[in-house]
Amino acid sequence: MGTPSDGSTDGTKEFLTQLKKSKGEVKLKKINKFINVDNIRIFYQARNKGKGAALNLAFKEVIGDIVIIQDADLEYDPREYPKLMQPIEEGFADVVYGSRFMGGNPHRILFFFHSIGNKFITFISNLFTNLNLTDIETCYKMFRKNVIKKIDIKEKGFGIEPEITAKISKMNLRIYEVGISYYGRTYEEGKKITWRDGFRAIICIIKYWIL
């Protein structure tokens, strides 16, 4: 398990430091799960460089056979890892996206225009990539290690989402989607993404399809 901390000032670094000092297994209350602390590897950025930069560092350091992206705010439920892993374990998939727009899982009701914007960005991405994904902006993207190691990430911020999608669409991979839960946050609760990120996503879709 690799954990990058992107210059965080919200206590994440301190929490991870204490976690690493623990012995044996530790129970994470929010997900009701025991983890083996000895398997945790922590990497720090000197300053906040963005989500893409943090993930790029993590991808370079990963040693496991399967890689999944997990945001620290737990808008996505780690108990659903087996659901995403199933198509890979059964030999059907190389990449699995967790879609917030399919399946009968719980979803917190939040912003109408966020939903429309996400679906529009996914539609534009599908036009260029010829994929039929329902949610390219999802955090939950799972890869075989040999896939993610071949992708040269350029984006520093949230543009990493359409960048990865554009690049895997050119790699002759088996891509699956599964429905997931979504426990979204409001801006008061710390949500960061804005309309500027949506505009950047469209630029990235075009840029990384052309390159």
N, C-alpha and C. Protein backbone atom coordinates (compact mmCIF):
# COMPACT_ATOMS: atom_id res chain seq x y z
N MET A 1 0.86 -1.19 0.00
CA MET A 1 0.00 0.00 0.00
C MET A 1 0.88 1.23 0.00
N GLY A 2 0.78 2.08 -1.00
CA GLY A 2 1.56 3.30 -1.08
C GLY A 2 0.66 4.50 -0.84
N THR A 3 1.14 5.48 -0.05
CA THR A 3 0.33 6.63 0.30
C THR A 3 1.10 7.91 0.07
N PRO A 4 0.78 8.69 -1.00
CA PRO A 4 1.44 9.97 -1.19
C PRO A 4 0.72 11.08 -0.44
N SER A 5 1.45 11.96 0.22
CA SER A 5 0.85 13.12 0.88
C SER A 5 1.31 14.37 0.15
N ASP A 6 0.35 15.11 -0.43
CA ASP A 6 0.68 16.21 -1.33
C ASP A 6 0.81 17.53 -0.58
N GLY A 7 1.83 17.64 0.27
CA GLY A 7 2.05 18.88 1.00
C GLY A 7 0.87 19.25 1.87
N SER A 8 0.16 18.26 2.39
CA SER A 8 -1.07 18.50 3.12
C SER A 8 -0.83 19.24 4.43
N THR A 9 -1.76 20.15 4.78
CA THR A 9 -1.70 20.87 6.06
C THR A 9 -2.91 20.58 6.92
N ASP A 10 -3.67 19.53 6.59
CA ASP A 10 -4.91 19.24 7.31
C ASP A 10 -4.75 18.15 8.36
N GLY A 11 -3.51 17.79 8.67
CA GLY A 11 -3.26 16.75 9.66
C GLY A 11 -3.00 15.39 9.06
N THR A 12 -3.08 15.26 7.73
CA THR A 12 -2.86 13.97 7.08
C THR A 12 -1.46 13.45 7.34
N LYS A 13 -0.45 14.33 7.21
CA LYS A 13 0.94 13.90 7.40
C LYS A 13 1.16 13.38 8.82
N GLU A 14 0.60 14.09 9.79
CA GLU A 14 0.76 13.67 11.18
C GLU A 14 0.07 12.33 11.44
N PHE A 15 -1.13 12.17 10.84
CA PHE A 15 -1.86 10.91 11.00
C PHE A 15 -1.06 9.75 10.41
N LEU A 16 -0.51 9.95 9.22
CA LEU A 16 0.25 8.89 8.56
C LEU A 16 1.52 8.56 9.34
N THR A 17 2.14 9.60 9.91
CA THR A 17 3.35 9.38 10.70
C THR A 17 3.06 8.51 11.92
N GLN A 18 1.96 8.83 12.61
CA GLN A 18 1.57 8.03 13.78
C GLN A 18 1.17 6.61 13.38
N LEU A 19 0.50 6.50 12.26
CA LEU A 19 0.07 5.19 11.77
C LEU A 19 1.29 4.31 11.50
N LYS A 20 2.29 4.90 10.89
CA LYS A 20 3.50 4.14 10.54
C LYS A 20 4.25 3.68 11.79
N LYS A 21 4.13 4.44 12.88
CA LYS A 21 4.82 4.09 14.12
C LYS A 21 4.12 2.95 14.86
N SER A 22 2.88 2.66 14.48
CA SER A 22 2.13 1.60 15.14
C SER A 22 2.72 0.23 14.83
N LYS A 23 2.36 -0.75 15.60
CA LYS A 23 2.84 -2.12 15.41
C LYS A 23 1.69 -3.02 14.96
N GLY A 24 1.96 -3.95 14.09
CA GLY A 24 0.98 -4.96 13.71
C GLY A 24 -0.16 -4.38 12.91
N GLU A 25 -1.40 -4.75 13.30
CA GLU A 25 -2.58 -4.31 12.57
C GLU A 25 -3.28 -3.17 13.29
N VAL A 26 -3.82 -2.24 12.52
CA VAL A 26 -4.55 -1.10 13.06
C VAL A 26 -5.93 -1.06 12.42
N LYS A 27 -6.95 -0.78 13.22
CA LYS A 27 -8.31 -0.70 12.69
C LYS A 27 -8.63 0.74 12.31
N LEU A 28 -9.01 0.95 11.06
CA LEU A 28 -9.46 2.26 10.61
C LEU A 28 -10.96 2.35 10.81
N LYS A 29 -11.38 3.22 11.73
CA LYS A 29 -12.78 3.26 12.16
C LYS A 29 -13.75 3.58 11.03
N LYS A 30 -13.39 4.52 10.16
CA LYS A 30 -14.33 4.97 9.13
C LYS A 30 -14.70 3.85 8.16
N ILE A 31 -13.77 2.93 7.94
CA ILE A 31 -14.07 1.85 6.99
C ILE A 31 -14.20 0.50 7.69
N ASN A 32 -14.07 0.51 9.04
CA ASN A 32 -14.24 -0.71 9.82
C ASN A 32 -13.36 -1.84 9.28
N LYS A 33 -12.08 -1.52 9.09
CA LYS A 33 -11.17 -2.47 8.46
C LYS A 33 -9.83 -2.45 9.15
N PHE A 34 -9.25 -3.65 9.33
CA PHE A 34 -7.89 -3.76 9.86
C PHE A 34 -6.89 -3.72 8.72
N ILE A 35 -5.81 -2.97 8.89
CA ILE A 35 -4.75 -2.95 7.90
C ILE A 35 -3.43 -3.31 8.56
N ASN A 36 -2.56 -3.93 7.80
CA ASN A 36 -1.22 -4.27 8.29
C ASN A 36 -0.31 -3.07 8.09
N VAL A 37 0.10 -2.45 9.18
CA VAL A 37 0.89 -1.22 9.12
C VAL A 37 2.24 -1.47 8.45
N ASP A 38 2.77 -2.66 8.59
CA ASP A 38 4.08 -2.96 7.99
C ASP A 38 4.06 -2.88 6.47
N ASN A 39 2.87 -2.96 5.87
CA ASN A 39 2.76 -2.92 4.42
C ASN A 39 2.58 -1.51 3.87
N ILE A 40 2.54 -0.52 4.75
CA ILE A 40 2.31 0.86 4.31
C ILE A 40 3.64 1.54 3.99
N ARG A 41 3.72 2.16 2.81
CA ARG A 41 4.86 2.98 2.42
C ARG A 41 4.35 4.38 2.17
N ILE A 42 4.98 5.38 2.78
CA ILE A 42 4.50 6.75 2.73
C ILE A 42 5.52 7.63 2.00
N PHE A 43 5.01 8.47 1.09
CA PHE A 43 5.86 9.39 0.34
C PHE A 43 5.28 10.80 0.47
N TYR A 44 6.14 11.79 0.65
CA TYR A 44 5.69 13.16 0.86
C TYR A 44 6.18 14.09 -0.26
N GLN A 45 5.31 15.01 -0.65
CA GLN A 45 5.72 16.11 -1.50
C GLN A 45 6.14 17.27 -0.59
N ALA A 46 7.17 17.99 -0.98
CA ALA A 46 7.63 19.12 -0.16
C ALA A 46 6.59 20.23 -0.10
N ARG A 47 5.81 20.38 -1.18
CA ARG A 47 4.75 21.37 -1.21
C ARG A 47 3.59 20.81 -2.03
N ASN A 48 2.43 21.46 -1.91
CA ASN A 48 1.25 21.00 -2.63
C ASN A 48 1.40 21.26 -4.13
N LYS A 49 1.49 20.20 -4.91
CA LYS A 49 1.67 20.33 -6.35
C LYS A 49 0.42 19.91 -7.13
N GLY A 50 -0.58 19.36 -6.45
CA GLY A 50 -1.80 18.94 -7.13
C GLY A 50 -1.97 17.43 -7.14
N LYS A 51 -3.21 17.01 -7.44
CA LYS A 51 -3.53 15.58 -7.41
C LYS A 51 -2.71 14.79 -8.41
N GLY A 52 -2.56 15.32 -9.62
CA GLY A 52 -1.80 14.61 -10.65
C GLY A 52 -0.37 14.38 -10.24
N ALA A 53 0.26 15.38 -9.64
CA ALA A 53 1.65 15.26 -9.21
C ALA A 53 1.79 14.22 -8.11
N ALA A 54 0.84 14.20 -7.17
CA ALA A 54 0.89 13.21 -6.08
C ALA A 54 0.73 11.80 -6.62
N LEU A 55 -0.20 11.61 -7.55
CA LEU A 55 -0.42 10.28 -8.11
C LEU A 55 0.76 9.84 -8.98
N ASN A 56 1.37 10.77 -9.69
CA ASN A 56 2.53 10.45 -10.51
C ASN A 56 3.65 9.89 -9.64
N LEU A 57 3.85 10.51 -8.46
CA LEU A 57 4.85 10.00 -7.52
C LEU A 57 4.48 8.60 -7.06
N ALA A 58 3.21 8.40 -6.73
CA ALA A 58 2.76 7.09 -6.24
C ALA A 58 2.93 6.02 -7.31
N PHE A 59 2.57 6.33 -8.55
CA PHE A 59 2.67 5.35 -9.63
C PHE A 59 4.12 4.91 -9.85
N LYS A 60 5.06 5.83 -9.68
CA LYS A 60 6.47 5.49 -9.86
C LYS A 60 6.97 4.55 -8.76
N GLU A 61 6.37 4.65 -7.58
CA GLU A 61 6.84 3.88 -6.43
C GLU A 61 6.08 2.58 -6.20
N VAL A 62 4.97 2.39 -6.91
CA VAL A 62 4.09 1.24 -6.63
C VAL A 62 4.80 -0.08 -6.90
N ILE A 63 4.54 -1.06 -6.06
CA ILE A 63 5.17 -2.38 -6.22
C ILE A 63 4.14 -3.50 -6.29
N GLY A 64 2.88 -3.24 -5.99
CA GLY A 64 1.86 -4.28 -6.03
C GLY A 64 1.44 -4.61 -7.45
N ASP A 65 0.70 -5.69 -7.62
CA ASP A 65 0.25 -6.12 -8.95
C ASP A 65 -0.93 -5.31 -9.45
N ILE A 66 -1.77 -4.79 -8.53
CA ILE A 66 -2.95 -4.03 -8.88
C ILE A 66 -2.92 -2.69 -8.16
N VAL A 67 -3.25 -1.63 -8.89
CA VAL A 67 -3.17 -0.27 -8.35
C VAL A 67 -4.54 0.37 -8.40
N ILE A 68 -4.95 1.02 -7.29
CA ILE A 68 -6.21 1.77 -7.28
C ILE A 68 -5.96 3.15 -6.69
N ILE A 69 -6.67 4.13 -7.21
CA ILE A 69 -6.60 5.50 -6.69
C ILE A 69 -7.68 5.67 -5.63
N GLN A 70 -7.27 6.19 -4.45
CA GLN A 70 -8.21 6.43 -3.35
C GLN A 70 -7.98 7.82 -2.79
N ASP A 71 -8.95 8.72 -2.91
CA ASP A 71 -8.84 10.03 -2.28
C ASP A 71 -9.02 9.89 -0.77
N ALA A 72 -8.31 10.74 -0.02
CA ALA A 72 -8.30 10.63 1.44
C ALA A 72 -9.61 11.06 2.08
N ASP A 73 -10.47 11.80 1.36
CA ASP A 73 -11.69 12.31 1.98
C ASP A 73 -12.79 11.26 2.12
N LEU A 74 -12.55 10.05 1.58
CA LEU A 74 -13.49 8.92 1.69
C LEU A 74 -14.87 9.23 1.11
N GLU A 75 -14.90 10.05 0.04
CA GLU A 75 -16.15 10.16 -0.72
C GLU A 75 -16.46 8.82 -1.39
N TYR A 76 -15.42 8.00 -1.56
CA TYR A 76 -15.55 6.67 -2.16
C TYR A 76 -15.25 5.63 -1.08
N ASP A 77 -15.97 4.54 -1.11
CA ASP A 77 -15.95 3.54 -0.04
C ASP A 77 -14.92 2.44 -0.30
N PRO A 78 -13.84 2.38 0.49
CA PRO A 78 -12.81 1.35 0.30
C PRO A 78 -13.33 -0.08 0.43
N ARG A 79 -14.49 -0.26 1.07
CA ARG A 79 -15.06 -1.61 1.18
C ARG A 79 -15.48 -2.16 -0.18
N GLU A 80 -15.49 -1.30 -1.20
CA GLU A 80 -15.89 -1.74 -2.54
C GLU A 80 -14.71 -2.13 -3.42
N TYR A 81 -13.51 -2.16 -2.85
CA TYR A 81 -12.34 -2.61 -3.63
C TYR A 81 -12.57 -3.98 -4.29
N PRO A 82 -13.09 -4.97 -3.55
CA PRO A 82 -13.29 -6.29 -4.19
C PRO A 82 -14.18 -6.24 -5.42
N LYS A 83 -15.18 -5.34 -5.40
CA LYS A 83 -16.08 -5.21 -6.53
C LYS A 83 -15.32 -4.73 -7.77
N LEU A 84 -14.42 -3.76 -7.58
CA LEU A 84 -13.63 -3.25 -8.69
C LEU A 84 -12.58 -4.28 -9.14
N MET A 85 -12.08 -5.03 -8.19
CA MET A 85 -11.00 -5.97 -8.49
C MET A 85 -11.49 -7.23 -9.22
N GLN A 86 -12.76 -7.55 -9.07
CA GLN A 86 -13.28 -8.81 -9.60
C GLN A 86 -13.02 -9.01 -11.10
N PRO A 87 -13.30 -8.02 -11.98
CA PRO A 87 -13.04 -8.25 -13.41
C PRO A 87 -11.56 -8.49 -13.71
N ILE A 88 -10.67 -7.89 -12.92
CA ILE A 88 -9.23 -8.10 -13.12
C ILE A 88 -8.82 -9.48 -12.63
N GLU A 89 -9.29 -9.84 -11.42
CA GLU A 89 -8.94 -11.15 -10.85
C GLU A 89 -9.44 -12.29 -11.72
N GLU A 90 -10.59 -12.10 -12.36
CA GLU A 90 -11.17 -13.16 -13.18
C GLU A 90 -10.62 -13.18 -14.60
N GLY A 91 -9.68 -12.27 -14.87
CA GLY A 91 -8.98 -12.28 -16.15
C GLY A 91 -9.69 -11.59 -17.29
N PHE A 92 -10.72 -10.77 -16.98
CA PHE A 92 -11.47 -10.09 -18.02
C PHE A 92 -10.93 -8.69 -18.34
N ALA A 93 -10.32 -8.03 -17.35
CA ALA A 93 -10.02 -6.61 -17.47
C ALA A 93 -8.57 -6.29 -17.17
N ASP A 94 -8.09 -5.20 -17.78
CA ASP A 94 -6.79 -4.60 -17.47
C ASP A 94 -6.98 -3.31 -16.67
N VAL A 95 -8.12 -2.66 -16.89
CA VAL A 95 -8.46 -1.40 -16.22
C VAL A 95 -9.93 -1.45 -15.82
N VAL A 96 -10.24 -0.97 -14.61
CA VAL A 96 -11.64 -0.92 -14.16
C VAL A 96 -11.92 0.48 -13.60
N TYR A 97 -12.98 1.11 -14.10
CA TYR A 97 -13.45 2.39 -13.58
C TYR A 97 -14.65 2.13 -12.68
N GLY A 98 -14.69 2.81 -11.53
CA GLY A 98 -15.87 2.76 -10.68
C GLY A 98 -16.80 3.91 -11.03
N SER A 99 -17.97 3.61 -11.57
CA SER A 99 -18.88 4.65 -12.04
C SER A 99 -19.90 5.03 -10.98
N ARG A 100 -20.05 6.33 -10.77
CA ARG A 100 -21.06 6.86 -9.85
C ARG A 100 -22.43 6.94 -10.51
N PHE A 101 -22.50 6.65 -11.81
CA PHE A 101 -23.74 6.85 -12.55
C PHE A 101 -24.35 5.55 -13.05
N MET A 102 -23.92 4.44 -12.50
CA MET A 102 -24.54 3.17 -12.87
C MET A 102 -24.64 2.29 -11.63
N GLY A 103 -25.61 1.39 -11.62
CA GLY A 103 -25.78 0.50 -10.48
C GLY A 103 -26.73 1.07 -9.45
N GLY A 104 -27.05 0.26 -8.44
CA GLY A 104 -28.03 0.65 -7.43
C GLY A 104 -27.42 0.95 -6.08
N ASN A 105 -26.23 1.58 -6.07
CA ASN A 105 -25.54 1.87 -4.82
C ASN A 105 -25.92 3.24 -4.26
N PRO A 106 -25.68 3.48 -2.96
CA PRO A 106 -26.05 4.77 -2.36
C PRO A 106 -25.27 5.94 -2.96
N HIS A 107 -25.96 7.06 -3.20
CA HIS A 107 -25.33 8.27 -3.70
C HIS A 107 -25.90 9.46 -2.96
N ARG A 108 -25.01 10.27 -2.40
CA ARG A 108 -25.48 11.50 -1.76
C ARG A 108 -25.93 12.48 -2.84
N ILE A 109 -27.07 13.10 -2.65
CA ILE A 109 -27.60 14.06 -3.61
C ILE A 109 -26.99 15.43 -3.32
N LEU A 110 -26.28 15.99 -4.35
CA LEU A 110 -25.63 17.28 -4.15
C LEU A 110 -25.93 18.25 -5.29
N PHE A 111 -24.97 18.47 -6.18
CA PHE A 111 -25.03 19.58 -7.12
C PHE A 111 -25.50 19.15 -8.51
N PHE A 112 -26.60 19.75 -8.98
CA PHE A 112 -27.14 19.44 -10.30
C PHE A 112 -26.14 19.78 -11.41
N PHE A 113 -25.55 20.97 -11.35
CA PHE A 113 -24.67 21.40 -12.43
C PHE A 113 -23.35 20.63 -12.44
N HIS A 114 -22.92 20.14 -11.27
CA HIS A 114 -21.76 19.24 -11.25
C HIS A 114 -22.06 17.98 -12.03
N SER A 115 -23.24 17.43 -11.82
CA SER A 115 -23.64 16.20 -12.50
C SER A 115 -23.70 16.41 -14.01
N ILE A 116 -24.31 17.53 -14.43
CA ILE A 116 -24.41 17.83 -15.86
C ILE A 116 -23.02 18.03 -16.45
N GLY A 117 -22.17 18.78 -15.73
CA GLY A 117 -20.81 19.03 -16.21
C GLY A 117 -20.01 17.75 -16.36
N ASN A 118 -20.14 16.86 -15.37
CA ASN A 118 -19.41 15.59 -15.43
C ASN A 118 -19.86 14.75 -16.63
N LYS A 119 -21.16 14.70 -16.84
CA LYS A 119 -21.68 13.91 -17.96
C LYS A 119 -21.28 14.51 -19.30
N PHE A 120 -21.21 15.85 -19.36
CA PHE A 120 -20.78 16.51 -20.59
C PHE A 120 -19.31 16.21 -20.88
N ILE A 121 -18.47 16.30 -19.85
CA ILE A 121 -17.04 16.00 -20.03
C ILE A 121 -16.84 14.54 -20.45
N THR A 122 -17.60 13.64 -19.84
CA THR A 122 -17.52 12.23 -20.22
C THR A 122 -17.96 12.04 -21.67
N PHE A 123 -19.01 12.75 -22.08
CA PHE A 123 -19.49 12.66 -23.46
C PHE A 123 -18.41 13.13 -24.44
N ILE A 124 -17.77 14.27 -24.16
CA ILE A 124 -16.71 14.79 -25.02
C ILE A 124 -15.54 13.81 -25.08
N SER A 125 -15.17 13.25 -23.93
CA SER A 125 -14.09 12.27 -23.88
C SER A 125 -14.42 11.05 -24.74
N ASN A 126 -15.65 10.56 -24.62
CA ASN A 126 -16.06 9.39 -25.41
C ASN A 126 -16.03 9.66 -26.91
N LEU A 127 -16.35 10.91 -27.31
CA LEU A 127 -16.29 11.28 -28.72
C LEU A 127 -14.88 11.11 -29.27
N PHE A 128 -13.90 11.50 -28.48
CA PHE A 128 -12.51 11.45 -28.94
C PHE A 128 -11.90 10.06 -28.79
N THR A 129 -12.25 9.35 -27.72
CA THR A 129 -11.61 8.06 -27.43
C THR A 129 -12.36 6.87 -28.03
N ASN A 130 -13.63 7.09 -28.44
CA ASN A 130 -14.50 6.02 -28.93
C ASN A 130 -14.77 4.96 -27.86
N LEU A 131 -14.72 5.36 -26.60
CA LEU A 131 -15.13 4.51 -25.49
C LEU A 131 -16.57 4.86 -25.12
N ASN A 132 -17.22 4.01 -24.33
CA ASN A 132 -18.59 4.32 -23.88
C ASN A 132 -18.66 4.35 -22.36
N LEU A 133 -17.70 5.05 -21.76
CA LEU A 133 -17.67 5.20 -20.32
C LEU A 133 -18.82 6.10 -19.85
N THR A 134 -19.18 5.96 -18.57
CA THR A 134 -20.23 6.81 -18.01
C THR A 134 -19.68 7.83 -17.02
N ASP A 135 -18.39 7.70 -16.62
CA ASP A 135 -17.88 8.56 -15.54
C ASP A 135 -16.35 8.63 -15.60
N ILE A 136 -15.81 9.49 -16.48
CA ILE A 136 -14.34 9.54 -16.58
C ILE A 136 -13.71 10.29 -15.41
N GLU A 137 -14.51 11.13 -14.71
CA GLU A 137 -13.96 11.91 -13.61
C GLU A 137 -13.97 11.16 -12.28
N THR A 138 -14.36 9.90 -12.30
CA THR A 138 -14.37 9.13 -11.06
C THR A 138 -12.97 9.01 -10.46
N CYS A 139 -12.91 9.05 -9.15
CA CYS A 139 -11.64 8.80 -8.46
C CYS A 139 -11.22 7.34 -8.63
N TYR A 140 -12.19 6.43 -8.53
CA TYR A 140 -11.87 5.00 -8.53
C TYR A 140 -11.50 4.51 -9.92
N LYS A 141 -10.20 4.45 -10.16
CA LYS A 141 -9.64 3.85 -11.36
C LYS A 141 -8.65 2.79 -10.90
N MET A 142 -8.85 1.56 -11.34
CA MET A 142 -7.99 0.45 -10.93
C MET A 142 -7.26 -0.09 -12.16
N PHE A 143 -5.97 -0.38 -12.00
CA PHE A 143 -5.14 -0.80 -13.12
C PHE A 143 -4.29 -2.01 -12.74
N ARG A 144 -3.97 -2.82 -13.70
CA ARG A 144 -2.85 -3.72 -13.53
C ARG A 144 -1.59 -2.86 -13.49
N LYS A 145 -0.62 -3.25 -12.67
CA LYS A 145 0.58 -2.43 -12.50
C LYS A 145 1.29 -2.19 -13.82
N ASN A 146 1.38 -3.21 -14.66
CA ASN A 146 2.11 -3.05 -15.92
C ASN A 146 1.45 -2.03 -16.85
N VAL A 147 0.15 -1.74 -16.64
CA VAL A 147 -0.54 -0.73 -17.43
C VAL A 147 -0.16 0.66 -16.97
N ILE A 148 -0.31 0.94 -15.68
CA ILE A 148 -0.07 2.29 -15.18
C ILE A 148 1.40 2.66 -15.28
N LYS A 149 2.29 1.69 -15.22
CA LYS A 149 3.73 1.97 -15.34
C LYS A 149 4.09 2.46 -16.75
N LYS A 150 3.26 2.16 -17.74
CA LYS A 150 3.54 2.57 -19.12
C LYS A 150 3.03 3.97 -19.43
N ILE A 151 2.26 4.56 -18.53
CA ILE A 151 1.65 5.86 -18.79
C ILE A 151 2.53 6.97 -18.22
N ASP A 152 2.94 7.87 -19.06
CA ASP A 152 3.76 9.02 -18.66
C ASP A 152 2.83 10.18 -18.31
N ILE A 153 2.59 10.39 -17.03
CA ILE A 153 1.65 11.40 -16.57
C ILE A 153 2.27 12.80 -16.68
N LYS A 154 1.54 13.72 -17.31
CA LYS A 154 2.02 15.09 -17.47
C LYS A 154 1.26 16.08 -16.59
N GLU A 155 -0.03 15.83 -16.37
CA GLU A 155 -0.87 16.78 -15.64
C GLU A 155 -0.53 16.82 -14.15
N LYS A 156 -0.54 18.02 -13.58
CA LYS A 156 -0.27 18.19 -12.15
C LYS A 156 -1.55 18.19 -11.31
N GLY A 157 -2.65 18.62 -11.89
CA GLY A 157 -3.90 18.75 -11.15
C GLY A 157 -4.94 17.72 -11.54
N PHE A 158 -6.22 18.15 -11.55
CA PHE A 158 -7.31 17.23 -11.85
C PHE A 158 -7.37 16.82 -13.32
N GLY A 159 -6.55 17.46 -14.15
CA GLY A 159 -6.48 17.06 -15.55
C GLY A 159 -5.96 15.65 -15.76
N ILE A 160 -5.47 15.06 -14.68
CA ILE A 160 -4.98 13.67 -14.76
C ILE A 160 -6.09 12.70 -15.15
N GLU A 161 -7.35 13.02 -14.81
CA GLU A 161 -8.45 12.10 -15.09
C GLU A 161 -8.67 11.93 -16.60
N PRO A 162 -8.90 13.01 -17.37
CA PRO A 162 -9.03 12.83 -18.82
C PRO A 162 -7.73 12.42 -19.48
N GLU A 163 -6.59 12.80 -18.91
CA GLU A 163 -5.30 12.39 -19.49
C GLU A 163 -5.16 10.88 -19.46
N ILE A 164 -5.41 10.27 -18.31
CA ILE A 164 -5.30 8.82 -18.20
C ILE A 164 -6.27 8.13 -19.15
N THR A 165 -7.51 8.64 -19.20
CA THR A 165 -8.52 8.02 -20.06
C THR A 165 -8.10 8.09 -21.53
N ALA A 166 -7.59 9.24 -21.96
CA ALA A 166 -7.14 9.38 -23.35
C ALA A 166 -6.01 8.41 -23.66
N LYS A 167 -5.10 8.26 -22.72
CA LYS A 167 -3.91 7.43 -22.98
C LYS A 167 -4.22 5.94 -22.95
N ILE A 168 -5.11 5.50 -22.04
CA ILE A 168 -5.43 4.07 -22.03
C ILE A 168 -6.28 3.68 -23.22
N SER A 169 -7.01 4.68 -23.79
CA SER A 169 -7.85 4.37 -24.95
C SER A 169 -7.01 4.00 -26.17
N LYS A 170 -5.73 4.35 -26.15
CA LYS A 170 -4.83 4.08 -27.28
C LYS A 170 -3.99 2.82 -27.07
N MET A 171 -4.23 2.10 -25.96
CA MET A 171 -3.33 1.01 -25.59
C MET A 171 -3.90 -0.40 -25.80
N ASN A 172 -5.02 -0.50 -26.48
CA ASN A 172 -5.61 -1.82 -26.77
C ASN A 172 -5.82 -2.63 -25.49
N LEU A 173 -6.46 -1.99 -24.50
CA LEU A 173 -6.69 -2.61 -23.21
C LEU A 173 -8.14 -3.05 -23.06
N ARG A 174 -8.38 -3.96 -22.12
CA ARG A 174 -9.74 -4.37 -21.77
C ARG A 174 -10.20 -3.50 -20.61
N ILE A 175 -11.15 -2.60 -20.90
CA ILE A 175 -11.59 -1.60 -19.92
C ILE A 175 -13.02 -1.93 -19.48
N TYR A 176 -13.23 -1.98 -18.17
CA TYR A 176 -14.56 -2.27 -17.61
C TYR A 176 -14.99 -1.14 -16.69
N GLU A 177 -16.30 -1.05 -16.45
CA GLU A 177 -16.88 -0.19 -15.44
C GLU A 177 -17.72 -1.01 -14.48
N VAL A 178 -17.73 -0.63 -13.21
CA VAL A 178 -18.66 -1.22 -12.24
C VAL A 178 -19.31 -0.07 -11.46
N GLY A 179 -20.54 -0.25 -11.04
CA GLY A 179 -21.23 0.76 -10.26
C GLY A 179 -20.69 0.83 -8.84
N ILE A 180 -20.53 2.04 -8.32
CA ILE A 180 -20.00 2.24 -6.96
C ILE A 180 -20.89 3.22 -6.19
N SER A 181 -20.68 3.25 -4.88
CA SER A 181 -21.33 4.24 -4.02
C SER A 181 -20.59 5.57 -4.11
N TYR A 182 -21.25 6.63 -3.67
CA TYR A 182 -20.60 7.94 -3.67
C TYR A 182 -21.13 8.77 -2.51
N TYR A 183 -20.23 9.14 -1.58
CA TYR A 183 -20.58 9.92 -0.40
C TYR A 183 -19.95 11.30 -0.55
N GLY A 184 -20.48 12.11 -1.49
CA GLY A 184 -19.88 13.38 -1.85
C GLY A 184 -19.90 14.41 -0.74
N ARG A 185 -19.03 15.41 -0.91
CA ARG A 185 -18.93 16.51 0.05
C ARG A 185 -19.40 17.81 -0.58
N THR A 186 -19.83 18.74 0.28
CA THR A 186 -20.14 20.10 -0.17
C THR A 186 -18.85 20.92 -0.13
N TYR A 187 -18.90 22.14 -0.66
CA TYR A 187 -17.72 23.02 -0.59
C TYR A 187 -17.41 23.38 0.86
N GLU A 188 -18.45 23.51 1.69
CA GLU A 188 -18.22 23.80 3.11
C GLU A 188 -17.50 22.65 3.80
N GLU A 189 -17.70 21.44 3.28
CA GLU A 189 -17.06 20.26 3.86
C GLU A 189 -15.68 19.98 3.25
N GLY A 190 -15.27 20.83 2.29
CA GLY A 190 -13.91 20.71 1.78
C GLY A 190 -13.76 20.36 0.32
N LYS A 191 -14.86 20.28 -0.43
CA LYS A 191 -14.74 19.95 -1.85
C LYS A 191 -13.96 21.05 -2.56
N LYS A 192 -13.06 20.65 -3.50
CA LYS A 192 -12.16 21.61 -4.13
C LYS A 192 -12.46 21.87 -5.61
N ILE A 193 -13.01 20.93 -6.34
CA ILE A 193 -13.13 21.04 -7.78
C ILE A 193 -14.11 22.15 -8.17
N THR A 194 -13.75 22.91 -9.23
CA THR A 194 -14.58 24.04 -9.67
C THR A 194 -14.78 23.97 -11.19
N TRP A 195 -15.49 24.98 -11.74
CA TRP A 195 -15.73 25.04 -13.18
C TRP A 195 -14.41 25.15 -13.96
N ARG A 196 -13.39 25.74 -13.33
CA ARG A 196 -12.09 25.85 -14.01
C ARG A 196 -11.50 24.48 -14.29
N ASP A 197 -11.72 23.54 -13.36
CA ASP A 197 -11.23 22.18 -13.56
C ASP A 197 -11.98 21.51 -14.71
N GLY A 198 -13.27 21.82 -14.85
CA GLY A 198 -14.04 21.28 -15.97
C GLY A 198 -13.53 21.80 -17.30
N PHE A 199 -13.21 23.10 -17.35
CA PHE A 199 -12.66 23.69 -18.57
C PHE A 199 -11.31 23.05 -18.90
N ARG A 200 -10.47 22.85 -17.88
CA ARG A 200 -9.17 22.23 -18.09
C ARG A 200 -9.34 20.80 -18.58
N ALA A 201 -10.36 20.10 -18.08
CA ALA A 201 -10.60 18.71 -18.49
C ALA A 201 -10.86 18.63 -20.00
N ILE A 202 -11.64 19.57 -20.53
CA ILE A 202 -11.93 19.56 -21.97
C ILE A 202 -10.66 19.81 -22.78
N ILE A 203 -9.83 20.74 -22.31
CA ILE A 203 -8.55 20.99 -22.97
C ILE A 203 -7.69 19.72 -22.97
N CYS A 204 -7.66 19.02 -21.83
CA CYS A 204 -6.85 17.80 -21.71
C CYS A 204 -7.37 16.68 -22.62
N ILE A 205 -8.68 16.57 -22.74
CA ILE A 205 -9.26 15.55 -23.63
C ILE A 205 -8.72 15.72 -25.04
N ILE A 206 -8.76 16.96 -25.53
CA ILE A 206 -8.30 17.24 -26.89
C ILE A 206 -6.79 17.10 -26.98
N LYS A 207 -6.07 17.66 -26.02
CA LYS A 207 -4.60 17.66 -26.04
C LYS A 207 -4.03 16.26 -26.05
N TYR A 208 -4.51 15.39 -25.17
CA TYR A 208 -3.89 14.06 -25.04
C TYR A 208 -4.43 13.07 -26.06
N TRP A 209 -5.52 13.41 -26.76
CA TRP A 209 -5.92 12.58 -27.88
C TRP A 209 -5.05 12.89 -29.10
N ILE A 210 -4.71 14.18 -29.27
CA ILE A 210 -3.88 14.58 -30.40
C ILE A 210 -2.44 14.09 -30.24
N LEU A 211 -1.89 14.21 -29.01
CA LEU A 211 -0.48 13.85 -28.77
C LEU A 211 -0.23 12.37 -28.93
